[in-house]
Amino acid sequence: MSTSTALPASADVVVVGGGNAAFCATLAARESGANVVMLERAPLEEAGGNSRFTAGAIRCVYDGVGDLRALMPDLSDAEVEQTDFGTYTEDQFFDDMGRITDYRCDPDLTELLVRRSRETLLWMRENGVRFQPIWGRQAFKVDGRFKFWGGLTVEAWGGGPGLVDALTDIADKAGVSIFYEARALSLVTDDTSVTGVRVRHGGSVSTISASAVILASGGFEANHEWRARYLGPGWDLAKVRGTRFNTGDGIAMALEVGAAPYGHWSGCHSVGWDRNAPEFGDLAVGDGFQKHSYPFAIMLNANGERFVDEGADFRNYTYAKYGGVILSQPGQFAWQIFDAKVSHLQRDEYRIRQVTKVSADTLEDLVRKLDGVNPEAALATIADYNAAVRTDVLFDPNVKDGRGTQGLAVPKSNWANTIDEPPFEAFAVTCGVTFTFGGLRIDTTGNVLDTDLKPIGGLFAAGELVGGLFYSNYPGGTGLMSGAVFGRLAGTSAADASRGV
């Protein structure tokens, strides 16, 4: 880690950003022999971008437990024996990307993402990043064995903070210079290429000349104005799950030099988030403000009505769009309601100290405690829901069990249980924006394209500011995976460009 207060005058490759994608780009460029400088806008204590705020889940292809043991050699024989890891094949990953994005995902970028997912994680492991199974959040224990579901099995050791710390340590040992509170302001160009970056650091502005620049500085989710402009009315009212520094700087710099915008600019990754969470993410809480056990609950809006199919699919495939659905409700909030039969299935985030929660021994008392909700309508909705539950179908949290409702205007397709066993609990949620889907257009080398769809010399991109992968929705754990895949790709290509290859 650089301790110098002065920026260098030049480098082979400059990486703008300090999260997972930026580090993977940095390490790949360094591995290819380039001299690399990283510019992190945040101070050291807030560094790491959105990556530091994640739980560290990473979606990747594996054909069986042998692939997982290569990635996670700490797995013991006993752990393997008591776990059904299943498989997650390339075909399944392709199917999920297509289905979840309504088949709008860029086919070339998606192919890179899927086919390079396993090898990229193995590369990270070889560099010193540790991984482990997501025991607590992606597997339920049935008949003495854990069963993983939803294609999401791997997480970084120590979650997002552990991932950023590991990558920082690896970059430090590789001789990379990292400058904190270094905000890239604009790209420097000549007639044909990007030749450097103008940077504000230590109270002054200077230029770093470079043979290649990699933009990996996130989306525009922390920019209130851009959210309202591109996502639409009301989105300026959403909470921000992660870093306050992702205001679209990298995207703006690239557009100023003629880069092509791409992807779903009116779309974003948005989740159910504690109603009283702060404006931006809190590193002391991390992703604990999320509330993702709603498939086993019902959600009511201010009118006391259900408004979404809580059991439409596994949480992995709905959570990233349901935040936007909550934002569209009266008052931009909802309450998740559980009874005692399913409270043991609640994820750990339901037990943090900073939670907006009410409980009661009767439904009549509970609905009166739901701040902002019509209690009579809420009670009637719960009664109608209870009467509609298919209790003749077996409840199974590990599969889409088909235990749904009959006759409701808003059905619940799976995991429907009557709400009749006290104590009852309810949790208030609003919308938390994770990252925006619109960004820059790149080719299959990670090179940013201009509005004529020609490569901009010396300019590469990776991470959340790459457009074209996600539309309307998102398969859980794909963000860190895409950041790693395209970060590694951009780093290798930028190093090649710096050598004139």
Protein backbone atom coordinates (compact mmCIF):
# COMPACT_ATOMS: atom_id res chain seq x y z
CA MET A 1 0.00 0.00 0.00
CA SER A 2 1.42 3.36 -0.99
CA THR A 3 2.22 5.71 1.87
CA SER A 4 3.45 8.48 -0.40
CA THR A 5 1.46 11.72 -0.46
CA ALA A 6 2.48 12.51 -4.03
CA LEU A 7 0.99 10.80 -7.04
CA PRO A 8 3.43 9.42 -9.61
CA ALA A 9 3.75 11.27 -12.89
CA SER A 10 3.19 8.11 -14.92
CA ALA A 11 2.33 4.42 -14.84
CA ASP A 12 1.80 1.66 -17.35
CA VAL A 13 -1.77 1.13 -16.14
CA VAL A 14 -3.99 3.29 -13.93
CA VAL A 15 -6.99 1.60 -12.28
CA VAL A 16 -9.80 3.88 -11.13
CA GLY A 17 -11.64 2.19 -8.26
CA GLY A 18 -10.93 0.15 -5.15
CA GLY A 19 -13.35 -2.78 -5.05
CA ASN A 20 -13.28 -6.37 -6.23
CA ALA A 21 -13.29 -5.56 -9.97
CA ALA A 22 -10.57 -2.94 -9.56
CA PHE A 23 -8.35 -5.30 -7.58
CA CYS A 24 -8.80 -8.17 -10.04
CA ALA A 25 -7.90 -5.79 -12.86
CA THR A 26 -4.89 -4.58 -10.93
CA LEU A 27 -3.61 -8.06 -10.09
CA ALA A 28 -4.06 -9.30 -13.65
CA ALA A 29 -2.20 -6.29 -15.07
CA ARG A 30 0.56 -6.70 -12.50
CA GLU A 31 0.77 -10.41 -13.27
CA SER A 32 1.35 -9.45 -16.91
CA GLY A 33 4.28 -7.26 -15.91
CA ALA A 34 2.67 -3.81 -15.88
CA ASN A 35 3.45 -1.09 -13.37
CA VAL A 36 0.04 -0.34 -11.85
CA VAL A 37 -1.38 2.55 -9.82
CA MET A 38 -4.78 2.28 -8.13
CA LEU A 39 -6.86 5.36 -7.37
CA GLU A 40 -9.44 4.89 -4.60
CA ARG A 41 -11.73 7.87 -4.06
CA ALA A 42 -12.67 6.81 -0.52
CA PRO A 43 -10.47 7.19 2.55
CA LEU A 44 -8.79 4.04 3.80
CA GLU A 45 -11.44 3.34 6.45
CA GLU A 46 -14.21 3.35 3.80
CA ALA A 47 -12.24 1.81 0.93
CA GLY A 48 -13.42 -1.15 -1.13
CA GLY A 49 -16.47 0.21 -2.90
CA ASN A 50 -19.64 -1.85 -2.77
CA SER A 51 -17.55 -5.01 -2.43
CA ARG A 52 -16.88 -4.24 1.23
CA PHE A 53 -20.63 -4.04 1.91
CA THR A 54 -21.52 -7.41 0.38
CA ALA A 55 -21.87 -10.75 2.12
CA GLY A 56 -19.29 -12.04 -0.35
CA ALA A 57 -21.51 -14.50 -2.27
CA ILE A 58 -20.13 -15.44 -5.69
CA ARG A 59 -22.05 -17.40 -8.33
CA CYS A 60 -19.83 -19.79 -10.27
CA VAL A 61 -20.01 -22.97 -12.29
CA TYR A 62 -19.16 -26.28 -10.62
CA ASP A 63 -19.86 -29.81 -11.81
CA GLY A 64 -19.68 -31.46 -8.42
CA VAL A 65 -18.01 -31.50 -5.05
CA GLY A 66 -14.59 -32.11 -6.63
CA ASP A 67 -14.68 -28.67 -8.24
CA LEU A 68 -15.67 -27.14 -4.91
CA ARG A 69 -12.85 -28.90 -3.04
CA ALA A 70 -10.34 -27.52 -5.55
CA LEU A 71 -11.68 -24.06 -4.78
CA MET A 72 -12.15 -24.65 -1.04
CA PRO A 73 -9.49 -27.15 0.10
CA ASP A 74 -10.45 -26.50 3.72
CA LEU A 75 -13.61 -28.55 3.21
CA SER A 76 -13.40 -31.59 5.48
CA ASP A 77 -14.59 -35.09 4.65
CA ALA A 78 -17.23 -34.74 7.38
CA GLU A 79 -18.59 -31.52 5.88
CA VAL A 80 -18.77 -33.10 2.45
CA GLU A 81 -20.49 -36.16 3.86
CA GLN A 82 -23.24 -34.14 5.54
CA THR A 83 -23.91 -31.81 2.59
CA ASP A 84 -25.72 -32.09 -0.72
CA PHE A 85 -23.89 -29.48 -2.78
CA GLY A 86 -25.51 -30.55 -6.03
CA THR A 87 -24.11 -29.02 -9.22
CA TYR A 88 -24.32 -25.69 -11.03
CA THR A 89 -23.46 -26.26 -14.66
CA GLU A 90 -22.70 -23.79 -17.42
CA ASP A 91 -26.09 -24.55 -18.93
CA GLN A 92 -27.80 -23.70 -15.64
CA PHE A 93 -25.88 -20.43 -15.37
CA PHE A 94 -26.77 -19.51 -18.97
CA ASP A 95 -30.41 -20.39 -18.30
CA ASP A 96 -30.50 -18.24 -15.17
CA MET A 97 -28.91 -15.25 -16.89
CA GLY A 98 -31.36 -15.48 -19.77
CA ARG A 99 -34.48 -16.14 -17.73
CA ILE A 100 -33.80 -13.53 -15.07
CA THR A 101 -32.99 -10.75 -17.57
CA ASP A 102 -35.84 -11.61 -19.98
CA TYR A 103 -33.14 -12.78 -22.41
CA ARG A 104 -31.82 -9.24 -22.90
CA CYS A 105 -28.33 -9.94 -21.51
CA ASP A 106 -25.53 -9.39 -24.01
CA PRO A 107 -24.69 -12.86 -25.38
CA ASP A 108 -20.96 -12.25 -25.81
CA LEU A 109 -20.48 -10.78 -22.33
CA THR A 110 -22.67 -13.47 -20.79
CA GLU A 111 -20.62 -16.20 -22.44
CA LEU A 112 -17.42 -14.73 -20.97
CA LEU A 113 -19.04 -14.46 -17.56
CA VAL A 114 -20.29 -18.03 -17.46
CA ARG A 115 -17.41 -19.85 -19.14
CA ARG A 116 -14.71 -18.03 -17.18
CA SER A 117 -16.41 -18.08 -13.79
CA ARG A 118 -14.77 -21.23 -12.44
CA GLU A 119 -11.28 -20.52 -13.76
CA THR A 120 -11.43 -16.96 -12.45
CA LEU A 121 -12.24 -18.07 -8.91
CA LEU A 122 -9.45 -20.65 -9.08
CA TRP A 123 -7.12 -17.85 -10.20
CA MET A 124 -8.21 -15.75 -7.23
CA ARG A 125 -7.65 -18.74 -4.95
CA GLU A 126 -4.16 -19.24 -6.38
CA ASN A 127 -3.44 -15.60 -5.60
CA GLY A 128 -4.45 -16.04 -1.97
CA VAL A 129 -8.20 -15.34 -1.73
CA ARG A 130 -10.02 -17.90 0.42
CA PHE A 131 -13.56 -19.16 -0.15
CA GLN A 132 -16.07 -21.19 1.84
CA PRO A 133 -19.59 -22.62 1.41
CA ILE A 134 -22.49 -20.30 2.27
CA TRP A 135 -23.70 -22.57 5.03
CA GLY A 136 -25.89 -20.10 6.88
CA ARG A 137 -27.74 -18.39 4.04
CA GLN A 138 -28.02 -20.81 1.12
CA ALA A 139 -28.61 -24.20 2.72
CA PHE A 140 -31.22 -25.66 5.04
CA LYS A 141 -30.66 -28.80 7.07
CA VAL A 142 -33.11 -31.58 6.22
CA ASP A 143 -32.89 -35.09 7.70
CA GLY A 144 -29.42 -34.35 9.05
CA ARG A 145 -27.93 -33.07 5.76
CA PHE A 146 -27.48 -29.58 4.43
CA LYS A 147 -28.92 -29.01 0.96
CA PHE A 148 -27.82 -26.05 -1.16
CA TRP A 149 -30.35 -24.43 -3.46
CA GLY A 150 -30.55 -21.67 -6.05
CA GLY A 151 -27.15 -22.16 -7.67
CA LEU A 152 -25.30 -20.09 -5.09
CA THR A 153 -22.83 -22.08 -3.00
CA VAL A 154 -19.59 -20.09 -2.58
CA GLU A 155 -18.70 -16.97 -0.61
CA ALA A 156 -15.48 -15.15 0.15
CA TRP A 157 -13.93 -15.92 3.53
CA GLY A 158 -14.94 -13.09 5.83
CA GLY A 159 -17.60 -11.83 3.45
CA GLY A 160 -17.12 -8.61 1.54
CA PRO A 161 -14.76 -7.07 4.10
CA GLY A 162 -12.65 -10.24 4.11
CA LEU A 163 -12.49 -10.22 0.32
CA VAL A 164 -11.35 -6.60 0.14
CA ASP A 165 -8.79 -7.10 2.89
CA ALA A 166 -7.39 -10.19 1.16
CA LEU A 167 -7.16 -8.46 -2.22
CA THR A 168 -5.54 -5.41 -0.65
CA ASP A 169 -2.91 -7.57 1.01
CA ILE A 170 -2.21 -9.44 -2.25
CA ALA A 171 -1.87 -6.17 -4.19
CA ASP A 172 0.41 -4.73 -1.53
CA LYS A 173 2.72 -7.76 -1.73
CA ALA A 174 2.70 -7.47 -5.53
CA GLY A 175 4.10 -3.95 -5.31
CA VAL A 176 0.98 -2.08 -6.39
CA SER A 177 0.70 1.58 -5.37
CA ILE A 178 -2.75 2.33 -3.91
CA PHE A 179 -3.70 5.95 -3.27
CA TYR A 180 -6.70 6.72 -1.07
CA GLU A 181 -8.81 9.88 -1.21
CA ALA A 182 -7.65 10.10 -4.82
CA ARG A 183 -10.60 11.14 -6.98
CA ALA A 184 -10.23 10.74 -10.73
CA LEU A 185 -11.72 13.82 -12.36
CA SER A 186 -11.33 13.30 -16.09
CA LEU A 187 -9.55 11.30 -18.74
CA VAL A 188 -6.67 12.75 -20.73
CA THR A 189 -6.72 11.98 -24.46
CA ASP A 190 -4.79 12.64 -27.63
CA ASP A 191 -6.26 12.35 -31.11
CA THR A 192 -6.78 8.59 -30.90
CA SER A 193 -6.44 7.25 -27.35
CA VAL A 194 -6.73 7.80 -23.62
CA THR A 195 -3.31 8.78 -22.32
CA GLY A 196 -3.87 9.45 -18.65
CA VAL A 197 -6.09 10.65 -15.82
CA ARG A 198 -6.49 13.96 -14.01
CA VAL A 199 -6.71 13.33 -10.27
CA ARG A 200 -7.52 15.35 -7.15
CA HIS A 201 -5.40 14.12 -4.26
CA GLY A 202 -3.96 15.78 -1.18
CA GLY A 203 -5.55 19.14 -1.95
CA SER A 204 -4.19 19.50 -5.48
CA VAL A 205 -4.94 18.32 -9.00
CA SER A 206 -2.35 16.57 -11.15
CA THR A 207 -2.13 14.28 -14.15
CA ILE A 208 -0.90 10.71 -14.28
CA SER A 209 0.18 9.68 -17.75
CA ALA A 210 -0.61 6.07 -18.61
CA SER A 211 -0.57 3.69 -21.52
CA ALA A 212 -3.93 2.32 -20.39
CA VAL A 213 -6.69 3.28 -17.94
CA ILE A 214 -9.17 0.85 -16.42
CA LEU A 215 -12.42 2.27 -15.05
CA ALA A 216 -13.78 0.10 -12.23
CA SER A 217 -15.43 2.71 -10.02
CA GLY A 218 -18.99 1.43 -9.76
CA GLY A 219 -22.34 2.71 -10.95
CA PHE A 220 -24.29 5.85 -10.09
CA GLU A 221 -26.44 4.50 -7.26
CA ALA A 222 -25.15 7.05 -4.74
CA ASN A 223 -26.01 9.98 -7.03
CA HIS A 224 -29.50 11.21 -6.10
CA GLU A 225 -29.85 13.32 -9.23
CA TRP A 226 -28.82 10.57 -11.64
CA ARG A 227 -31.14 8.09 -9.90
CA ALA A 228 -34.10 10.41 -10.44
CA ARG A 229 -32.95 11.22 -13.97
CA TYR A 230 -32.38 7.67 -15.19
CA LEU A 231 -34.26 5.31 -12.84
CA GLY A 232 -37.28 7.58 -12.63
CA PRO A 233 -39.40 9.61 -10.19
CA GLY A 234 -39.15 8.46 -6.59
CA TRP A 235 -35.81 6.73 -6.92
CA ASP A 236 -34.09 9.69 -5.28
CA LEU A 237 -35.95 8.58 -2.11
CA ALA A 238 -34.37 5.13 -2.00
CA LYS A 239 -31.68 4.16 0.50
CA VAL A 240 -28.20 3.28 -0.75
CA ARG A 241 -27.02 -0.14 0.41
CA GLY A 242 -23.34 0.44 -0.13
CA THR A 243 -20.69 3.10 -0.52
CA ARG A 244 -21.49 6.80 -0.77
CA PHE A 245 -18.71 7.23 -3.32
CA ASN A 246 -20.34 5.48 -6.30
CA THR A 247 -21.73 8.59 -7.98
CA GLY A 248 -21.04 7.67 -11.58
CA ASP A 249 -17.67 9.42 -11.96
CA GLY A 250 -16.16 6.71 -14.15
CA ILE A 251 -19.20 6.58 -16.41
CA ALA A 252 -19.26 10.38 -16.77
CA MET A 253 -15.56 10.55 -17.62
CA ALA A 254 -15.93 7.90 -20.31
CA LEU A 255 -19.02 9.49 -21.85
CA GLU A 256 -17.16 12.79 -22.06
CA VAL A 257 -14.57 11.20 -24.36
CA GLY A 258 -17.17 9.56 -26.58
CA ALA A 259 -17.84 6.20 -24.92
CA ALA A 260 -21.06 4.39 -25.82
CA PRO A 261 -23.67 4.05 -23.05
CA TYR A 262 -25.12 0.55 -22.85
CA GLY A 263 -27.47 -1.61 -20.86
CA HIS A 264 -30.54 -0.94 -18.75
CA TRP A 265 -30.11 2.67 -17.66
CA SER A 266 -33.53 2.75 -16.02
CA GLY A 267 -32.83 -0.46 -14.10
CA CYS A 268 -30.95 -1.33 -10.94
CA HIS A 269 -30.32 -3.97 -8.30
CA SER A 270 -32.65 -3.02 -5.45
CA VAL A 271 -33.68 -5.00 -2.38
CA GLY A 272 -35.85 -4.94 0.70
CA TRP A 273 -33.87 -2.85 3.20
CA ASP A 274 -34.64 -1.80 6.76
CA ARG A 275 -37.02 1.15 6.69
CA ASN A 276 -34.95 3.15 9.16
CA ALA A 277 -31.49 2.33 7.78
CA PRO A 278 -29.21 5.34 7.17
CA GLU A 279 -28.98 7.15 3.82
CA PHE A 280 -25.86 5.22 2.79
CA GLY A 281 -24.38 1.90 3.85
CA ASP A 282 -22.95 1.48 7.33
CA LEU A 283 -19.80 -0.64 7.40
CA ALA A 284 -20.45 -1.57 11.03
CA VAL A 285 -23.67 -3.27 9.91
CA GLY A 286 -22.66 -4.29 6.38
CA ASP A 287 -25.48 -6.03 4.56
CA GLY A 288 -27.38 -6.63 7.81
CA PHE A 289 -30.09 -4.12 6.91
CA GLN A 290 -31.34 -6.43 4.13
CA LYS A 291 -34.37 -8.57 4.86
CA HIS A 292 -34.37 -11.54 2.51
CA SER A 293 -36.49 -14.21 4.22
CA TYR A 294 -39.70 -12.85 2.70
CA PRO A 295 -40.39 -16.11 0.72
CA PHE A 296 -41.52 -17.55 4.06
CA ALA A 297 -43.59 -14.47 4.99
CA ILE A 298 -46.15 -12.17 3.45
CA MET A 299 -45.59 -8.48 2.73
CA LEU A 300 -48.24 -5.80 3.35
CA ASN A 301 -48.22 -2.19 2.13
CA ALA A 302 -49.74 0.90 3.78
CA ASN A 303 -53.19 -0.09 2.51
CA GLY A 304 -52.88 -3.39 4.35
CA GLU A 305 -52.67 -5.28 1.06
CA ARG A 306 -50.31 -7.86 -0.38
CA PHE A 307 -48.74 -6.57 -3.58
CA VAL A 308 -46.23 -9.19 -4.78
CA ASP A 309 -45.83 -12.96 -5.02
CA GLU A 310 -43.36 -13.52 -2.18
CA GLY A 311 -42.82 -17.13 -3.26
CA ALA A 312 -42.49 -16.63 -7.01
CA ASP A 313 -38.99 -18.12 -7.03
CA PHE A 314 -35.97 -18.71 -4.84
CA ARG A 315 -34.88 -15.56 -3.05
CA ASN A 316 -31.74 -15.43 -5.24
CA TYR A 317 -33.88 -14.71 -8.29
CA THR A 318 -36.34 -12.16 -6.91
CA TYR A 319 -34.63 -10.13 -4.19
CA ALA A 320 -32.82 -7.79 -6.60
CA LYS A 321 -36.07 -6.53 -8.14
CA TYR A 322 -38.44 -6.57 -5.17
CA GLY A 323 -36.83 -3.46 -3.69
CA GLY A 324 -38.17 -1.49 -6.63
CA VAL A 325 -41.61 -3.03 -6.12
CA ILE A 326 -41.54 -1.91 -2.46
CA LEU A 327 -40.47 1.59 -3.53
CA SER A 328 -43.57 1.83 -5.75
CA GLN A 329 -45.93 1.22 -2.79
CA PRO A 330 -47.67 4.06 -0.91
CA GLY A 331 -45.08 5.67 1.35
CA GLN A 332 -42.27 3.56 -0.18
CA PHE A 333 -42.44 0.88 2.54
CA ALA A 334 -43.86 -2.51 3.46
CA TRP A 335 -44.02 -4.86 6.44
CA GLN A 336 -42.89 -8.50 6.32
CA ILE A 337 -45.01 -10.69 8.59
CA PHE A 338 -43.93 -14.05 10.03
CA ASP A 339 -45.43 -16.47 12.50
CA ALA A 340 -43.67 -18.90 14.82
CA LYS A 341 -43.76 -21.80 12.34
CA VAL A 342 -41.17 -20.14 10.09
CA SER A 343 -39.27 -17.80 12.40
CA HIS A 344 -36.41 -20.32 12.60
CA LEU A 345 -35.90 -19.89 8.83
CA GLN A 346 -35.14 -16.19 9.17
CA ARG A 347 -31.66 -15.21 8.09
CA ASP A 348 -29.21 -13.70 10.57
CA GLU A 349 -30.00 -10.12 9.49
CA TYR A 350 -33.36 -10.38 11.26
CA ARG A 351 -31.57 -10.60 14.60
CA ILE A 352 -29.32 -7.54 14.43
CA ARG A 353 -29.75 -4.77 16.99
CA GLN A 354 -30.52 -2.12 14.34
CA VAL A 355 -33.82 -3.57 13.16
CA THR A 356 -37.31 -2.08 12.78
CA LYS A 357 -39.46 -4.80 14.30
CA VAL A 358 -42.73 -5.31 16.16
CA SER A 359 -44.13 -8.47 17.73
CA ALA A 360 -47.35 -9.58 19.37
CA ASP A 361 -49.17 -12.65 20.60
CA THR A 362 -52.30 -11.94 18.55
CA LEU A 363 -52.78 -10.75 14.99
CA GLU A 364 -55.12 -8.04 16.23
CA ASP A 365 -52.37 -6.59 18.39
CA LEU A 366 -49.76 -7.03 15.65
CA VAL A 367 -51.60 -5.08 12.94
CA ARG A 368 -52.14 -2.16 15.35
CA LYS A 369 -48.36 -1.95 15.73
CA LEU A 370 -47.65 -1.76 11.99
CA ASP A 371 -46.71 1.88 11.63
CA GLY A 372 -48.44 3.52 8.67
CA VAL A 373 -50.65 0.51 7.83
CA ASN A 374 -54.47 0.30 7.76
CA PRO A 375 -54.99 -2.27 10.56
CA GLU A 376 -58.52 -3.41 9.59
CA ALA A 377 -57.49 -4.00 5.98
CA ALA A 378 -54.32 -5.79 7.11
CA LEU A 379 -56.29 -8.16 9.34
CA ALA A 380 -58.72 -8.92 6.52
CA THR A 381 -55.83 -9.56 4.10
CA ILE A 382 -54.21 -12.03 6.50
CA ALA A 383 -57.52 -13.85 6.99
CA ASP A 384 -58.08 -14.13 3.23
CA TYR A 385 -54.50 -15.33 2.75
CA ASN A 386 -54.81 -17.96 5.48
CA ALA A 387 -57.98 -19.32 3.92
CA ALA A 388 -56.28 -19.59 0.51
CA VAL A 389 -53.18 -21.55 1.57
CA ARG A 390 -52.86 -25.06 0.09
CA THR A 391 -52.24 -26.86 3.37
CA ASP A 392 -52.59 -30.20 1.57
CA VAL A 393 -49.21 -29.63 -0.14
CA LEU A 394 -46.02 -30.42 1.83
CA PHE A 395 -43.90 -27.42 2.82
CA ASP A 396 -40.22 -27.75 1.81
CA PRO A 397 -37.90 -24.70 1.99
CA ASN A 398 -35.21 -26.40 -0.14
CA VAL A 399 -37.23 -26.65 -3.34
CA LYS A 400 -39.96 -24.72 -5.11
CA ASP A 401 -42.53 -26.82 -3.29
CA GLY A 402 -45.70 -25.67 -5.06
CA ARG A 403 -47.35 -25.01 -1.71
CA GLY A 404 -49.21 -21.94 -2.88
CA THR A 405 -52.54 -20.16 -2.56
CA GLN A 406 -55.82 -20.49 -4.43
CA GLY A 407 -58.18 -17.72 -5.48
CA LEU A 408 -56.15 -14.65 -4.51
CA ALA A 409 -55.66 -11.71 -6.86
CA VAL A 410 -51.98 -11.73 -5.84
CA PRO A 411 -50.97 -15.39 -5.49
CA LYS A 412 -48.18 -16.87 -3.46
CA SER A 413 -46.70 -19.66 -5.58
CA ASN A 414 -44.44 -21.48 -3.11
CA TRP A 415 -43.72 -21.77 0.62
CA ALA A 416 -47.17 -20.52 1.65
CA ASN A 417 -47.92 -21.16 5.31
CA THR A 418 -50.86 -19.93 7.31
CA ILE A 419 -50.07 -17.09 9.69
CA ASP A 420 -51.77 -18.36 12.82
CA GLU A 421 -49.15 -19.53 15.31
CA PRO A 422 -47.91 -16.91 17.82
CA PRO A 423 -45.76 -15.12 18.54
CA PHE A 424 -46.08 -13.01 15.41
CA GLU A 425 -43.29 -10.77 14.13
CA ALA A 426 -43.22 -8.01 11.53
CA PHE A 427 -40.27 -6.14 10.01
CA ALA A 428 -40.49 -2.77 8.24
CA VAL A 429 -38.65 -2.50 4.93
CA THR A 430 -38.10 0.05 2.20
CA CYS A 431 -35.98 0.02 -0.97
CA GLY A 432 -32.20 -0.25 -0.84
CA VAL A 433 -30.31 0.35 -4.12
CA THR A 434 -27.22 -1.79 -4.57
CA PHE A 435 -25.97 -0.84 -8.02
CA THR A 436 -27.28 0.50 -11.30
CA PHE A 437 -27.49 -1.62 -14.46
CA GLY A 438 -26.72 1.06 -17.07
CA GLY A 439 -23.09 1.73 -17.94
CA LEU A 440 -20.45 1.56 -20.62
CA ARG A 441 -20.22 -0.70 -23.64
CA ILE A 442 -17.16 -2.95 -23.84
CA ASP A 443 -15.97 -5.59 -26.26
CA THR A 444 -14.78 -9.09 -25.40
CA THR A 445 -11.31 -7.78 -24.47
CA GLY A 446 -12.71 -5.32 -21.92
CA ASN A 447 -11.97 -2.37 -24.22
CA VAL A 448 -14.51 0.47 -23.96
CA LEU A 449 -16.29 1.18 -27.25
CA ASP A 450 -17.18 4.61 -28.61
CA THR A 451 -20.56 5.63 -30.01
CA ASP A 452 -19.51 4.25 -33.40
CA LEU A 453 -18.85 0.93 -31.60
CA LYS A 454 -15.12 1.18 -32.21
CA PRO A 455 -12.55 0.60 -29.43
CA ILE A 456 -11.28 3.67 -27.60
CA GLY A 457 -7.53 3.21 -27.45
CA GLY A 458 -6.17 2.73 -23.95
CA LEU A 459 -9.56 2.66 -22.17
CA PHE A 460 -10.92 -0.44 -20.43
CA ALA A 461 -13.73 -1.08 -17.95
CA ALA A 462 -14.89 -3.67 -15.44
CA GLY A 463 -17.38 -4.12 -12.64
CA GLU A 464 -20.70 -2.40 -12.03
CA LEU A 465 -20.15 0.28 -14.66
CA VAL A 466 -20.15 -2.28 -17.47
CA GLY A 467 -23.58 -2.22 -19.12
CA GLY A 468 -25.36 -5.02 -20.93
CA LEU A 469 -25.33 -7.88 -18.41
CA PHE A 470 -28.37 -7.22 -16.23
CA TYR A 471 -31.86 -6.10 -17.17
CA SER A 472 -34.71 -5.59 -14.67
CA ASN A 473 -33.39 -8.32 -12.40
CA TYR A 474 -30.24 -10.15 -11.36
CA PRO A 475 -29.18 -13.67 -10.25
CA GLY A 476 -27.74 -13.41 -6.74
CA GLY A 477 -23.95 -13.49 -6.45
CA THR A 478 -23.34 -12.52 -10.08
CA GLY A 479 -21.99 -9.05 -9.28
CA LEU A 480 -18.77 -10.15 -7.61
CA MET A 481 -18.35 -12.87 -10.24
CA SER A 482 -18.71 -10.45 -13.15
CA GLY A 483 -16.41 -7.97 -11.42
CA ALA A 484 -13.74 -10.64 -11.08
CA VAL A 485 -14.13 -12.02 -14.62
CA PHE A 486 -14.15 -8.68 -16.38
CA GLY A 487 -11.62 -7.17 -14.01
CA ARG A 488 -9.15 -9.92 -14.83
CA LEU A 489 -9.94 -9.55 -18.53
CA ALA A 490 -9.49 -5.77 -18.49
CA GLY A 491 -6.26 -6.00 -16.51
CA THR A 492 -4.68 -8.47 -18.91
CA SER A 493 -5.80 -6.45 -21.97
CA ALA A 494 -4.61 -3.17 -20.47
CA ALA A 495 -1.20 -4.65 -19.72
CA ASP A 496 -1.00 -5.91 -23.30
CA ALA A 497 -1.91 -2.45 -24.56
CA SER A 498 0.77 -0.86 -22.42
CA ARG A 499 3.32 -3.08 -24.18
CA GLY A 500 1.87 -2.31 -27.60
CA VAL A 501 0.58 -5.87 -28.04
